[in-house]
C-alpha atoms as a PDB file:
ATOM      1  CA  MET A   1     111.587  95.692 123.606  1.00  0.00           C
ATOM      2  CA  LYS A   2     109.382  97.960 121.383  1.00  0.00           C
ATOM      3  CA  ILE A   3     110.992  99.809 117.827  1.00  0.00           C
ATOM      4  CA  LYS A   4     108.651 102.242 116.803  1.00  0.00           C
ATOM      5  CA  VAL A   5     108.203 102.917 113.133  1.00  0.00           C
ATOM      6  CA  TYR A   6     105.563 105.569 112.212  1.00  0.00           C
ATOM      7  CA  ASP A   7     103.937 107.571 114.746  1.00  0.00           C
ATOM      8  CA  LYS A   8     100.528 108.423 114.360  1.00  0.00           C
ATOM      9  CA  HIS A   9      98.956 110.544 111.539  1.00  0.00           C
ATOM     10  CA  ILE A  10      95.826 111.740 109.769  1.00  0.00           C
ATOM     11  CA  SER A  11      94.955 110.365 106.438  1.00  0.00           C
ATOM     12  CA  ILE A  12      92.890 112.600 104.177  1.00  0.00           C
ATOM     13  CA  ARG A  13      90.646 109.844 101.650  1.00  0.00           C
ATOM     14  CA  LYS A  14      88.962 110.968  98.375  1.00  0.00           C
ATOM     15  CA  PRO A  15      84.832 109.896  98.265  1.00  0.00           C
ATOM     16  CA  PRO A  16      83.519 107.936  95.630  1.00  0.00           C
ATOM     17  CA  LEU A  17      83.556 110.033  92.243  1.00  0.00           C
ATOM     18  CA  ASN A  18      79.930 109.164  91.949  1.00  0.00           C
ATOM     19  CA  ALA A  19      79.174 110.016  95.728  1.00  0.00           C
ATOM     20  CA  THR A  20      76.206 111.689  96.110  1.00  0.00           C
ATOM     21  CA  GLU A  21      74.831 114.642  97.900  1.00  0.00           C
ATOM     22  CA  LYS A  22      71.924 111.611  99.045  1.00  0.00           C
ATOM     23  CA  ASN A  23      74.287 109.158  99.716  1.00  0.00           C
ATOM     24  CA  PHE A  24      78.033 110.810 100.914  1.00  0.00           C
ATOM     25  CA  LYS A  25      76.521 110.321 104.720  1.00  0.00           C
ATOM     26  CA  PHE A  26      77.813 106.613 103.761  1.00  0.00           C
ATOM     27  CA  PHE A  27      81.257 107.661 103.438  1.00  0.00           C
ATOM     28  CA  ALA A  28      81.785 111.386 105.574  1.00  0.00           C
ATOM     29  CA  HIS A  29      83.255 109.660 108.483  1.00  0.00           C
ATOM     30  CA  GLU A  30      85.733 107.611 106.772  1.00  0.00           C
ATOM     31  CA  LEU A  31      87.270 110.941 105.422  1.00  0.00           C
ATOM     32  CA  LYS A  32      89.346 111.887 107.449  1.00  0.00           C
ATOM     33  CA  LYS A  33      90.901 109.417 110.031  1.00  0.00           C
ATOM     34  CA  GLU A  34      93.816 108.886 112.426  1.00  0.00           C
ATOM     35  CA  ILE A  35      95.511 106.004 111.786  1.00  0.00           C
ATOM     36  CA  SER A  36      97.192 104.607 114.948  1.00  0.00           C
ATOM     37  CA  SER A  37     101.557 104.397 115.351  1.00  0.00           C
ATOM     38  CA  SER A  38     103.241 101.230 114.369  1.00  0.00           C
ATOM     39  CA  TYR A  39     106.082  99.488 115.447  1.00  0.00           C
ATOM     40  CA  TYR A  40     107.920  95.742 116.037  1.00  0.00           C
ATOM     41  CA  LEU A  41     108.715  94.368 119.115  1.00  0.00           C
ATOM     42  CA  ILE A  42     111.953  92.286 119.595  1.00  0.00           C
ATOM     43  CA  GLU A  43     111.189  89.448 122.256  1.00  0.00           C
ATOM     44  CA  LYS A  44     113.335  86.732 123.807  1.00  0.00           C
ATOM     45  CA  LYS A  45     112.424  83.172 124.759  1.00  0.00           C
ATOM     46  CA  VAL A  46     108.610  83.563 123.355  1.00  0.00           C
ATOM     47  CA  THR A  47     106.788  80.423 123.394  1.00  0.00           C
ATOM     48  CA  LEU A  48     104.856  79.358 119.926  1.00  0.00           C
ATOM     49  CA  ILE A  49     101.915  76.584 120.330  1.00  0.00           C
ATOM     50  CA  ASN A  50      99.589  76.781 116.842  1.00  0.00           C
ATOM     51  CA  GLU A  51      98.419  80.352 116.953  1.00  0.00           C
ATOM     52  CA  THR A  52      99.303  81.521 120.690  1.00  0.00           C
ATOM     53  CA  LEU A  53     102.296  83.161 121.535  1.00  0.00           C
ATOM     54  CA  ILE A  54     103.310  83.152 125.287  1.00  0.00           C
ATOM     55  CA  SER A  55     106.254  84.491 126.990  1.00  0.00           C
ATOM     56  CA  PHE A  56     106.406  82.444 130.377  1.00  0.00           C
ATOM     57  CA  ARG A  57     109.258  85.152 131.708  1.00  0.00           C
ATOM     58  CA  LYS A  58     106.831  88.172 131.374  1.00  0.00           C
ATOM     59  CA  LEU A  59     103.984  85.910 132.226  1.00  0.00           C
ATOM     60  CA  ARG A  60     102.412  87.484 128.731  1.00  0.00           C
ATOM     61  CA  LEU A  61     100.077  86.188 126.170  1.00  0.00           C
ATOM     62  CA  PHE A  62     100.589  88.578 123.051  1.00  0.00           C
ATOM     63  CA  THR A  63      97.064  88.201 121.613  1.00  0.00           C
ATOM     64  CA  LYS A  64      96.976  91.698 120.328  1.00  0.00           C
ATOM     65  CA  TYR A  65      99.376  90.603 117.826  1.00  0.00           C
ATOM     66  CA  THR A  66      97.528  86.907 117.305  1.00  0.00           C
ATOM     67  CA  HIS A  67      93.717  87.788 117.024  1.00  0.00           C
ATOM     68  CA  PHE A  68      91.127  90.500 116.479  1.00  0.00           C
ATOM     69  CA  PRO A  69      90.135  92.435 119.200  1.00  0.00           C
ATOM     70  CA  ASN A  70      87.091  91.372 119.399  1.00  0.00           C
ATOM     71  CA  ILE A  71      87.739  87.857 120.981  1.00  0.00           C
ATOM     72  CA  LYS A  72      86.939  87.945 124.830  1.00  0.00           C
ATOM     73  CA  LYS A  73      89.195  87.069 127.574  1.00  0.00           C
ATOM     74  CA  ILE A  74      87.732  83.735 128.882  1.00  0.00           C
ATOM     75  CA  ASP A  75      88.262  82.948 125.283  1.00  0.00           C
ATOM     76  CA  ILE A  76      91.708  83.551 125.014  1.00  0.00           C
ATOM     77  CA  PHE A  77      92.611  82.092 128.018  1.00  0.00           C
ATOM     78  CA  LYS A  78      91.005  78.729 126.988  1.00  0.00           C
ATOM     79  CA  LEU A  79      92.767  78.817 124.153  1.00  0.00           C
ATOM     80  CA  ALA A  80      95.979  79.241 125.578  1.00  0.00           C
ATOM     81  CA  LEU A  81      95.072  76.213 128.126  1.00  0.00           C
ATOM     82  CA  LYS A  82      93.846  73.863 125.421  1.00  0.00           C
ATOM     83  CA  ASN A  83      97.175  74.875 123.193  1.00  0.00           C
ATOM     84  CA  PHE A  84      99.468  74.220 126.353  1.00  0.00           C
ATOM     85  CA  LEU A  85      97.776  70.895 127.333  1.00  0.00           C
ATOM     86  CA  ILE A  86      98.025  69.220 123.763  1.00  0.00           C
ATOM     87  CA  SER A  87     101.874  70.043 123.528  1.00  0.00           C
ATOM     88  CA  ILE A  88     103.044  68.672 126.755  1.00  0.00           C
ATOM     89  CA  LYS A  89     104.582  66.136 124.840  1.00  0.00           C
ATOM     90  CA  LYS A  90     106.201  67.664 122.042  1.00  0.00           C
ATOM     91  CA  LYS A  91     108.944  70.172 122.401  1.00  0.00           C
ATOM     92  CA  GLU A  92     110.934  71.784 119.218  1.00  0.00           C
ATOM     93  CA  THR A  93     113.412  75.340 119.745  1.00  0.00           C
ATOM     94  CA  ILE A  94     114.043  77.459 117.018  1.00  0.00           C
ATOM     95  CA  GLN A  95     116.495  80.472 116.802  1.00  0.00           C
ATOM     96  CA  LYS A  96     114.621  83.072 114.792  1.00  0.00           C
ATOM     97  CA  GLY A  97     111.811  84.076 113.554  1.00  0.00           C
ATOM     98  CA  ILE A  98     109.068  86.509 113.120  1.00  0.00           C
ATOM     99  CA  TRP A  99     105.090  86.410 113.638  1.00  0.00           C
ATOM    100  CA  ILE A 100     102.584  88.573 111.515  1.00  0.00           C
ATOM    101  CA  LEU A 101      99.466  86.063 111.461  1.00  0.00           C
ATOM    102  CA  ASP A 102      95.973  86.384 113.051  1.00  0.00           C
ATOM    103  CA  ASP A 103      92.919  84.785 113.057  1.00  0.00           C
ATOM    104  CA  LYS A 104      91.309  86.374 109.972  1.00  0.00           C
ATOM    105  CA  ALA A 105      94.866  85.706 108.038  1.00  0.00           C
ATOM    106  CA  SER A 106      93.518  82.902 106.165  1.00  0.00           C
ATOM    107  CA  ASN A 107      90.965  85.223 104.566  1.00  0.00           C
ATOM    108  CA  TYR A 108      92.328  86.847 101.083  1.00  0.00           C
ATOM    109  CA  TYR A 109      92.453  90.150 102.038  1.00  0.00           C
ATOM    110  CA  HIS A 110      93.393  90.189 105.892  1.00  0.00           C
ATOM    111  CA  TRP A 111      96.409  88.040 104.524  1.00  0.00           C
ATOM    112  CA  LEU A 112      97.555  90.607 101.866  1.00  0.00           C
ATOM    113  CA  LEU A 113      96.381  93.986 103.736  1.00  0.00           C
ATOM    114  CA  ASP A 114      96.762  92.789 107.182  1.00  0.00           C
ATOM    115  CA  SER A 115      99.622  90.096 108.166  1.00  0.00           C
ATOM    116  CA  LEU A 116     102.014  91.321 105.082  1.00  0.00           C
ATOM    117  CA  GLN A 117     101.660  95.147 105.308  1.00  0.00           C
ATOM    118  CA  ARG A 118     103.059  94.178 109.151  1.00  0.00           C
ATOM    119  CA  TYR A 119     105.763  92.435 107.115  1.00  0.00           C
ATOM    120  CA  ILE A 120     106.626  95.917 105.584  1.00  0.00           C
ATOM    121  CA  LEU A 121     107.086  97.141 109.236  1.00  0.00           C
ATOM    122  CA  ILE A 122     110.669  94.688 109.551  1.00  0.00           C
ATOM    123  CA  PRO A 123     113.672  96.572 108.191  1.00  0.00           C
ATOM    124  CA  ASN A 124     115.903  94.890 106.613  1.00  0.00           C
ATOM    125  CA  LYS A 125     118.656  93.593 108.744  1.00  0.00           C
ATOM    126  CA  TYR A 126     116.206  91.233 110.016  1.00  0.00           C
ATOM    127  CA  LYS A 127     114.632  90.064 106.541  1.00  0.00           C
ATOM    128  CA  ASN A 128     117.087  87.037 107.335  1.00  0.00           C
ATOM    129  CA  PHE A 129     114.562  85.704 109.705  1.00  0.00           C
ATOM    130  CA  PRO A 130     111.762  83.447 108.659  1.00  0.00           C
ATOM    131  CA  ILE A 131     108.017  84.235 108.373  1.00  0.00           C
ATOM    132  CA  LEU A 132     106.294  81.389 111.315  1.00  0.00           C
ATOM    133  CA  ILE A 133     103.537  80.060 109.706  1.00  0.00           C
ATOM    134  CA  PRO A 134     101.487  77.456 111.806  1.00  0.00           C
ATOM    135  CA  LYS A 135     100.464  73.947 110.118  1.00  0.00           C
ATOM    136  CA  ASN A 136      96.479  75.377 109.550  1.00  0.00           C
ATOM    137  CA  TYR A 137      97.802  78.560 107.782  1.00  0.00           C
ATOM    138  CA  GLU A 138      99.598  76.794 105.424  1.00  0.00           C
ATOM    139  CA  ASN A 139      97.053  77.951 102.289  1.00  0.00           C
ATOM    140  CA  LYS A 140      97.319  78.215  98.583  1.00  0.00           C
ATOM    141  CA  TRP A 141      97.770  81.925  98.599  1.00  0.00           C
ATOM    142  CA  ILE A 142      99.686  82.531 101.469  1.00  0.00           C
ATOM    143  CA  ILE A 143     102.646  79.726 100.677  1.00  0.00           C
ATOM    144  CA  ASP A 144     102.187  81.193  96.681  1.00  0.00           C
ATOM    145  CA  GLN A 145     102.915  84.282  97.741  1.00  0.00           C
ATOM    146  CA  LEU A 146     106.274  83.802 100.700  1.00  0.00           C
ATOM    147  CA  ASN A 147     107.191  82.008  96.919  1.00  0.00           C
ATOM    148  CA  PHE A 148     106.900  85.006  94.469  1.00  0.00           C
ATOM    149  CA  LEU A 149     108.035  87.456  96.631  1.00  0.00           C
ATOM    150  CA  ASN A 150     111.251  85.256  98.275  1.00  0.00           C
ATOM    151  CA  ILE A 151     110.161  85.437 101.658  1.00  0.00           C
ATOM    152  CA  LYS A 152     112.011  82.944 104.154  1.00  0.00           C
ATOM    153  CA  TYR A 153     109.053  81.201 106.108  1.00  0.00           C
ATOM    154  CA  LYS A 154     108.790  77.945 108.473  1.00  0.00           C
ATOM    155  CA  VAL A 155     105.893  75.827 108.314  1.00  0.00           C
ATOM    156  CA  LEU A 156     105.782  75.154 111.691  1.00  0.00           C
ATOM    157  CA  ASN A 157     104.512  71.560 113.661  1.00  0.00           C
ATOM    158  CA  LYS A 158     100.642  71.611 114.881  1.00  0.00           C
ATOM    159  CA  ASN A 159     100.351  70.879 118.570  1.00  0.00           C
ATOM    160  CA  THR A 160     104.123  71.391 119.010  1.00  0.00           C
ATOM    161  CA  ARG A 161     105.460  73.876 121.879  1.00  0.00           C
ATOM    162  CA  ILE A 162     108.160  75.635 119.573  1.00  0.00           C
ATOM    163  CA  LYS A 163     110.365  77.695 121.942  1.00  0.00           C
ATOM    164  CA  VAL A 164     111.832  80.406 119.899  1.00  0.00           C
ATOM    165  CA  LYS A 165     114.843  82.161 121.360  1.00  0.00           C
ATOM    166  CA  LYS A 166     114.542  85.467 119.102  1.00  0.00           C
ATOM    167  CA  ILE A 167     111.447  86.792 117.334  1.00  0.00           C
ATOM    168  CA  LEU A 168     110.017  90.032 116.284  1.00  0.00           C
ATOM    169  CA  ILE A 169     106.046  90.303 116.505  1.00  0.00           C
ATOM    170  CA  PRO A 170     105.032  93.796 114.339  1.00  0.00           C
ATOM    171  CA  SER A 171     102.199  95.648 115.244  1.00  0.00           C
ATOM    172  CA  TYR A 172      99.119  96.582 112.329  1.00  0.00           C
ATOM    173  CA  SER A 173     100.494  99.054 109.749  1.00  0.00           C
ATOM    174  CA  ALA A 174      97.190 100.453 110.770  1.00  0.00           C
ATOM    175  CA  GLN A 175      93.682  99.901 112.430  1.00  0.00           C
ATOM    176  CA  THR A 176      92.083  96.988 109.851  1.00  0.00           C
ATOM    177  CA  GLY A 177      90.217  98.479 107.116  1.00  0.00           C
ATOM    178  CA  ASN A 178      92.573 101.729 106.842  1.00  0.00           C
ATOM    179  CA  PHE A 179      95.950 102.076 105.520  1.00  0.00           C
ATOM    180  CA  ASN A 180      98.926 103.834 106.101  1.00  0.00           C
ATOM    181  CA  THR A 181      99.702 104.624 102.648  1.00  0.00           C
ATOM    182  CA  ASN A 182     103.359 105.100 102.909  1.00  0.00           C
ATOM    183  CA  ILE A 183     103.552 101.068 104.081  1.00  0.00           C
ATOM    184  CA  LEU A 184     100.308  99.974 101.457  1.00  0.00           C
ATOM    185  CA  LEU A 185     102.610 101.561  98.422  1.00  0.00           C
ATOM    186  CA  GLU A 186     105.800 100.034  99.383  1.00  0.00           C
ATOM    187  CA  LEU A 187     104.182  96.780  99.785  1.00  0.00           C
ATOM    188  CA  ARG A 188     102.538  97.282  96.418  1.00  0.00           C
ATOM    189  CA  ASP A 189     106.391  97.721  94.859  1.00  0.00           C
ATOM    190  CA  LEU A 190     107.481  94.684  96.422  1.00  0.00           C
ATOM    191  CA  PHE A 191     104.783  92.462  94.078  1.00  0.00           C
ATOM    192  CA  LEU A 192     105.505  94.596  91.385  1.00  0.00           C
ATOM    193  CA  GLU A 193     109.259  94.411  91.515  1.00  0.00           C
ATOM    194  CA  ARG A 194     109.352  90.509  91.224  1.00  0.00           C
ATOM    195  CA  ALA A 195     106.464  90.496  88.799  1.00  0.00           C
ATOM    196  CA  ASN A 196     107.323  89.522  85.271  1.00  0.00           C
ATOM    197  CA  ILE A 197     104.941  92.181  84.111  1.00  0.00           C
ATOM    198  CA  LYS A 198     104.063  91.442  80.099  1.00  0.00           C
ATOM    199  CA  HIS A 199     101.687  94.574  78.587  1.00  0.00           C
ATOM    200  CA  THR A 200      99.781  92.996  75.754  1.00  0.00           C
ATOM    201  CA  LYS A 201      96.825  93.869  73.658  1.00  0.00           C
ATOM    202  CA  ASN A 202      95.048  90.626  74.182  1.00  0.00           C
ATOM    203  CA  MET A 203      94.209  91.263  77.945  1.00  0.00           C
ATOM    204  CA  SER A 204      90.992  92.790  78.973  1.00  0.00           C
ATOM    205  CA  SER A 205      91.223  96.310  80.343  1.00  0.00           C
ATOM    206  CA  ARG A 206      88.172  95.763  81.954  1.00  0.00           C
ATOM    207  CA  ILE A 207      87.875  92.995  84.653  1.00  0.00           C
ATOM    208  CA  TRP A 208      84.867  91.293  87.106  1.00  0.00           C
ATOM    209  CA  VAL A 209      85.929  89.808  89.904  1.00  0.00           C
ATOM    210  CA  ASP A 210      83.198  86.453  89.323  1.00  0.00           C
ATOM    211  CA  ARG A 211      82.006  85.368  93.225  1.00  0.00           C
ATOM    212  CA  VAL A 212      80.746  82.034  92.843  1.00  0.00           C
ATOM    213  CA  ASN A 213      79.258  79.713  95.861  1.00  0.00           C
ATOM    214  CA  VAL A 214      80.626  82.439  98.100  1.00  0.00           C
ATOM    215  CA  ARG A 215      79.596  85.216 100.439  1.00  0.00           C
ATOM    216  CA  ARG A 216      77.729  88.275  98.426  1.00  0.00           C
ATOM    217  CA  GLY A 217      77.917  86.777  95.552  1.00  0.00           C
ATOM    218  CA  ILE A 218      74.975  87.976  93.066  1.00  0.00           C
ATOM    219  CA  SER A 219      71.645  86.084  93.234  1.00  0.00           C
ATOM    220  CA  ASN A 220      71.269  87.605  89.168  1.00  0.00           C
ATOM    221  CA  ARG A 221      74.402  86.502  88.047  1.00  0.00           C
ATOM    222  CA  ASP A 222      73.275  85.221  84.777  1.00  0.00           C
ATOM    223  CA  GLU A 223      71.264  88.877  84.414  1.00  0.00           C
ATOM    224  CA  ILE A 224      74.554  90.743  85.183  1.00  0.00           C
ATOM    225  CA  LEU A 225      76.935  88.796  82.948  1.00  0.00           C
ATOM    226  CA  LYS A 226      75.128  89.587  80.089  1.00  0.00           C
ATOM    227  CA  VAL A 227      75.261  93.346  80.578  1.00  0.00           C
ATOM    228  CA  LEU A 228      78.864  92.799  81.525  1.00  0.00           C
ATOM    229  CA  LYS A 229      79.790  91.265  78.293  1.00  0.00           C
ATOM    230  CA  LYS A 230      77.805  93.486  76.891  1.00  0.00           C
ATOM    231  CA  TYR A 231      80.656  96.084  77.877  1.00  0.00           C
ATOM    232  CA  LYS A 232      83.597  93.683  76.824  1.00  0.00           C
ATOM    233  CA  PHE A 233      84.222  92.393  80.841  1.00  0.00           C
ATOM    234  CA  GLU A 234      86.262  89.409  81.225  1.00  0.00           C
ATOM    235  CA  ILE A 235      84.972  87.139  84.155  1.00  0.00           C
ATOM    236  CA  LEU A 236      87.547  86.000  85.903  1.00  0.00           C
ATOM    237  CA  GLN A 237      87.716  84.295  89.349  1.00  0.00           C
ATOM    238  CA  PHE A 238      90.939  85.394  90.969  1.00  0.00           C
ATOM    239  CA  GLU A 239      91.598  82.006  92.865  1.00  0.00           C
ATOM    240  CA  ASN A 240      92.071  79.848  89.827  1.00  0.00           C
ATOM    241  CA  TYR A 241      95.069  82.097  89.194  1.00  0.00           C
ATOM    242  CA  SER A 242      98.921  82.106  90.624  1.00  0.00           C
ATOM    243  CA  ILE A 243      99.899  85.462  92.212  1.00  0.00           C
ATOM    244  CA  ASP A 244     101.915  86.332  89.346  1.00  0.00           C
ATOM    245  CA  GLU A 245      99.043  85.644  86.542  1.00  0.00           C
ATOM    246  CA  VAL A 246      96.823  88.020  88.612  1.00  0.00           C
ATOM    247  CA  ILE A 247      99.513  90.764  88.951  1.00  0.00           C
ATOM    248  CA  ASN A 248      99.917  90.618  84.912  1.00  0.00           C
ATOM    249  CA  ILE A 249      95.719  90.686  84.589  1.00  0.00           C
ATOM    250  CA  VAL A 250      94.977  93.550  87.043  1.00  0.00           C
ATOM    251  CA  CYS A 251      98.183  95.807  85.618  1.00  0.00           C
ATOM    252  CA  ASN A 252      96.802  95.617  82.420  1.00  0.00           C
ATOM    253  CA  ALA A 253      93.184  96.101  83.410  1.00  0.00           C
ATOM    254  CA  ASN A 254      91.929  99.970  83.122  1.00  0.00           C
ATOM    255  CA  VAL A 255      88.790  98.809  85.072  1.00  0.00           C
ATOM    256  CA  LEU A 256      88.692  96.000  88.504  1.00  0.00           C
ATOM    257  CA  ALA A 257      84.546  95.956  89.090  1.00  0.00           C
ATOM    258  CA  GLY A 258      82.551  93.012  91.454  1.00  0.00           C
ATOM    259  CA  PRO A 259      80.904  92.466  94.667  1.00  0.00           C
ATOM    260  CA  HIS A 260      82.274  94.158  97.855  1.00  0.00           C
ATOM    261  CA  GLY A 261      84.853  90.994  98.831  1.00  0.00           C
ATOM    262  CA  SER A 262      88.378  89.819  98.877  1.00  0.00           C
ATOM    263  CA  GLY A 263      88.667  89.928  95.174  1.00  0.00           C
ATOM    264  CA  LEU A 264      88.849  93.921  94.704  1.00  0.00           C
ATOM    265  CA  ALA A 265      91.990  94.289  97.229  1.00  0.00           C
ATOM    266  CA  ASN A 266      93.706  92.765  94.213  1.00  0.00           C
ATOM    267  CA  MET A 267      93.567  96.479  92.730  1.00  0.00           C
ATOM    268  CA  LEU A 268      97.222  96.908  94.546  1.00  0.00           C
ATOM    269  CA  PHE A 269      98.384  95.929  91.283  1.00  0.00           C
ATOM    270  CA  MET A 270      96.509  98.291  89.550  1.00  0.00           C
ATOM    271  CA  SER A 271      98.384 101.445  87.553  1.00  0.00           C
ATOM    272  CA  LYS A 272      97.273 105.203  89.112  1.00  0.00           C
ATOM    273  CA  ASN A 273      93.820 106.201  87.761  1.00  0.00           C
ATOM    274  CA  SER A 274      92.576 103.011  86.994  1.00  0.00           C
ATOM    275  CA  LYS A 275      88.726 102.648  87.995  1.00  0.00           C
ATOM    276  CA  VAL A 276      87.723 100.218  90.911  1.00  0.00           C
ATOM    277  CA  ILE A 277      83.674  99.883  90.823  1.00  0.00           C
ATOM    278  CA  ASP A 278      82.502  97.816  93.639  1.00  0.00           C
ATOM    279  CA  ILE A 279      79.377  96.610  94.127  1.00  0.00           C
ATOM    280  CA  ARG A 280      77.916  97.189  97.710  1.00  0.00           C
ATOM    281  CA  GLU A 281      74.700  96.847  99.610  1.00  0.00           C
ATOM    282  CA  LYS A 282      72.787  99.549  99.828  1.00  0.00           C
ATOM    283  CA  ASN A 283      73.245 102.170 102.958  1.00  0.00           C
ATOM    284  CA  ASP A 284      76.196 100.541 103.804  1.00  0.00           C
ATOM    285  CA  ASP A 285      78.286 102.965 106.171  1.00  0.00           C
ATOM    286  CA  PHE A 286      80.592 100.298 107.251  1.00  0.00           C
ATOM    287  CA  ARG A 287      82.107  98.774 104.732  1.00  0.00           C
ATOM    288  CA  ASN A 288      84.741 101.807 103.744  1.00  0.00           C
ATOM    289  CA  ALA A 289      88.211  99.836 103.484  1.00  0.00           C
ATOM    290  CA  LEU A 290      88.096  99.769  99.499  1.00  0.00           C
ATOM    291  CA  MET A 291      87.356 103.196  99.495  1.00  0.00           C
ATOM    292  CA  SER A 292      90.452 103.930 101.770  1.00  0.00           C
ATOM    293  CA  MET A 293      92.402 101.648  99.667  1.00  0.00           C
ATOM    294  CA  ALA A 294      91.976 103.609  96.529  1.00  0.00           C
ATOM    295  CA  SER A 295      92.359 106.642  97.606  1.00  0.00           C
ATOM    296  CA  GLY A 296      95.795 105.503  99.083  1.00  0.00           C
ATOM    297  CA  LEU A 297      96.773 104.231  95.739  1.00  0.00           C
ATOM    298  CA  ASP A 298      95.551 106.863  93.530  1.00  0.00           C
ATOM    299  CA  LEU A 299      92.605 105.157  91.337  1.00  0.00           C
ATOM    300  CA  ASP A 300      89.317 106.346  90.579  1.00  0.00           C
ATOM    301  CA  TYR A 301      86.772 104.832  93.223  1.00  0.00           C
ATOM    302  CA  TYR A 302      83.132 103.923  92.490  1.00  0.00           C
ATOM    303  CA  CYS A 303      80.718 102.323  94.596  1.00  0.00           C
ATOM    304  CA  LEU A 304      77.245 100.800  93.676  1.00  0.00           C
ATOM    305  CA  ASN A 305      74.150  99.699  95.266  1.00  0.00           C
ATOM    306  CA  SER A 306      72.543  96.568  95.665  1.00  0.00           C
ATOM    307  CA  THR A 307      69.911  94.921  97.632  1.00  0.00           C
ATOM    308  CA  VAL A 308      70.882  92.005  99.796  1.00  0.00           C
ATOM    309  CA  LEU A 309      68.329  89.135  99.669  1.00  0.00           C
ATOM    310  CA  ASN A 310      69.812  86.549 101.753  1.00  0.00           C
ATOM    311  CA  LYS A 311      71.742  87.313 105.303  1.00  0.00           C
ATOM    312  CA  GLU A 312      73.044  84.443 105.843  1.00  0.00           C
ATOM    313  CA  ASN A 313      75.457  84.367 102.671  1.00  0.00           C
ATOM    314  CA  GLU A 314      75.031  87.990 102.015  1.00  0.00           C
ATOM    315  CA  SER A 315      73.796  87.198  98.368  1.00  0.00           C
ATOM    316  CA  VAL A 316      72.402  90.613  96.832  1.00  0.00           C
ATOM    317  CA  TYR A 317      70.180  91.522  93.795  1.00  0.00           C
ATOM    318  CA  LEU A 318      71.684  94.037  91.185  1.00  0.00           C
ATOM    319  CA  ASP A 319      69.480  95.626  89.115  1.00  0.00           C
ATOM    320  CA  PRO A 320      70.283  94.914  85.710  1.00  0.00           C
ATOM    321  CA  ARG A 321      69.305  98.645  84.081  1.00  0.00           C
ATOM    322  CA  SER A 322      70.069 100.674  87.207  1.00  0.00           C
ATOM    323  CA  PHE A 323      73.858  98.430  86.927  1.00  0.00           C
ATOM    324  CA  GLU A 324      73.656  99.103  82.824  1.00  0.00           C
ATOM    325  CA  ASN A 325      73.499 103.085  83.206  1.00  0.00           C
ATOM    326  CA  ASP A 326      75.785 103.413  85.770  1.00  0.00           C
ATOM    327  CA  LEU A 327      78.003 101.512  83.849  1.00  0.00           C
ATOM    328  CA  GLU A 328      77.152 103.510  80.883  1.00  0.00           C
ATOM    329  CA  GLU A 329      78.341 106.522  82.844  1.00  0.00           C
ATOM    330  CA  ILE A 330      81.507 105.660  84.711  1.00  0.00           C
ATOM    331  CA  LEU A 331      82.911 104.098  81.666  1.00  0.00           C
ATOM    332  CA  LYS A 332      82.141 106.676  78.798  1.00  0.00           C
END
């Protein structure tokens, strides 16, 4: 059974506040976007093996809900066959569950803004169903956030053929990198209602999301840190904090800045009209998800250019003088 939650609709986004006539073309195609309809499925007697969902009754693989669209059909078949063969000797049955994960969910951004938004589509009468978590997805932030939100979940045994008598499978709330604003705001409220927010003058109002030993780090980090300290930014690595601590930090921030990446997704917890500074590759017309998100949250979004030095890990060079001039203009 397929239950529609939202019809498809048009989303209008605000461009970066520092967009110029010269670089406007990199954002223009994202300012008006059709957001797909959203729904959830109610299925019976679905078999779950690791990250594979199969209905033997309907001869159906639910790959649309477990993997990003770029996976090839032959790879889907190989994965399903592999999981089927390794699970022959181990079988379990559970009564009910919710499936919201895909093969990108181990990434913080995709967990927070794809998976959890799928959960928002589930009506309250089914919120007693646990989210089903394959063992290999049992990482720090997924479990931390589910516990924080008091959402039921069940970690599944690996390489086991699990028959789920009744399972709810929500669609994506929008194409990844895009947002149904109603769902985005509902997710924001869900976190903030649970948080013990303490507004204090001791907390920094300007946060720099530091990326160390990961993709899209700043190659000339030491030079940039000097500029940031001059403008009283606190340098933080969010992976070292619990979700409650992250929410408190970000709620008290007027500015959230850093290299383009998952850390900036924590703008979800910022107050309206706060500022987000996204350090992006020069001439990038593809990675506009954070711009779209900031627009939906009614935040002031700024995009600053960097130059890619290493294509393998996408490390970038940020010109210190240009960066300081930009900060001077944005923060005045």
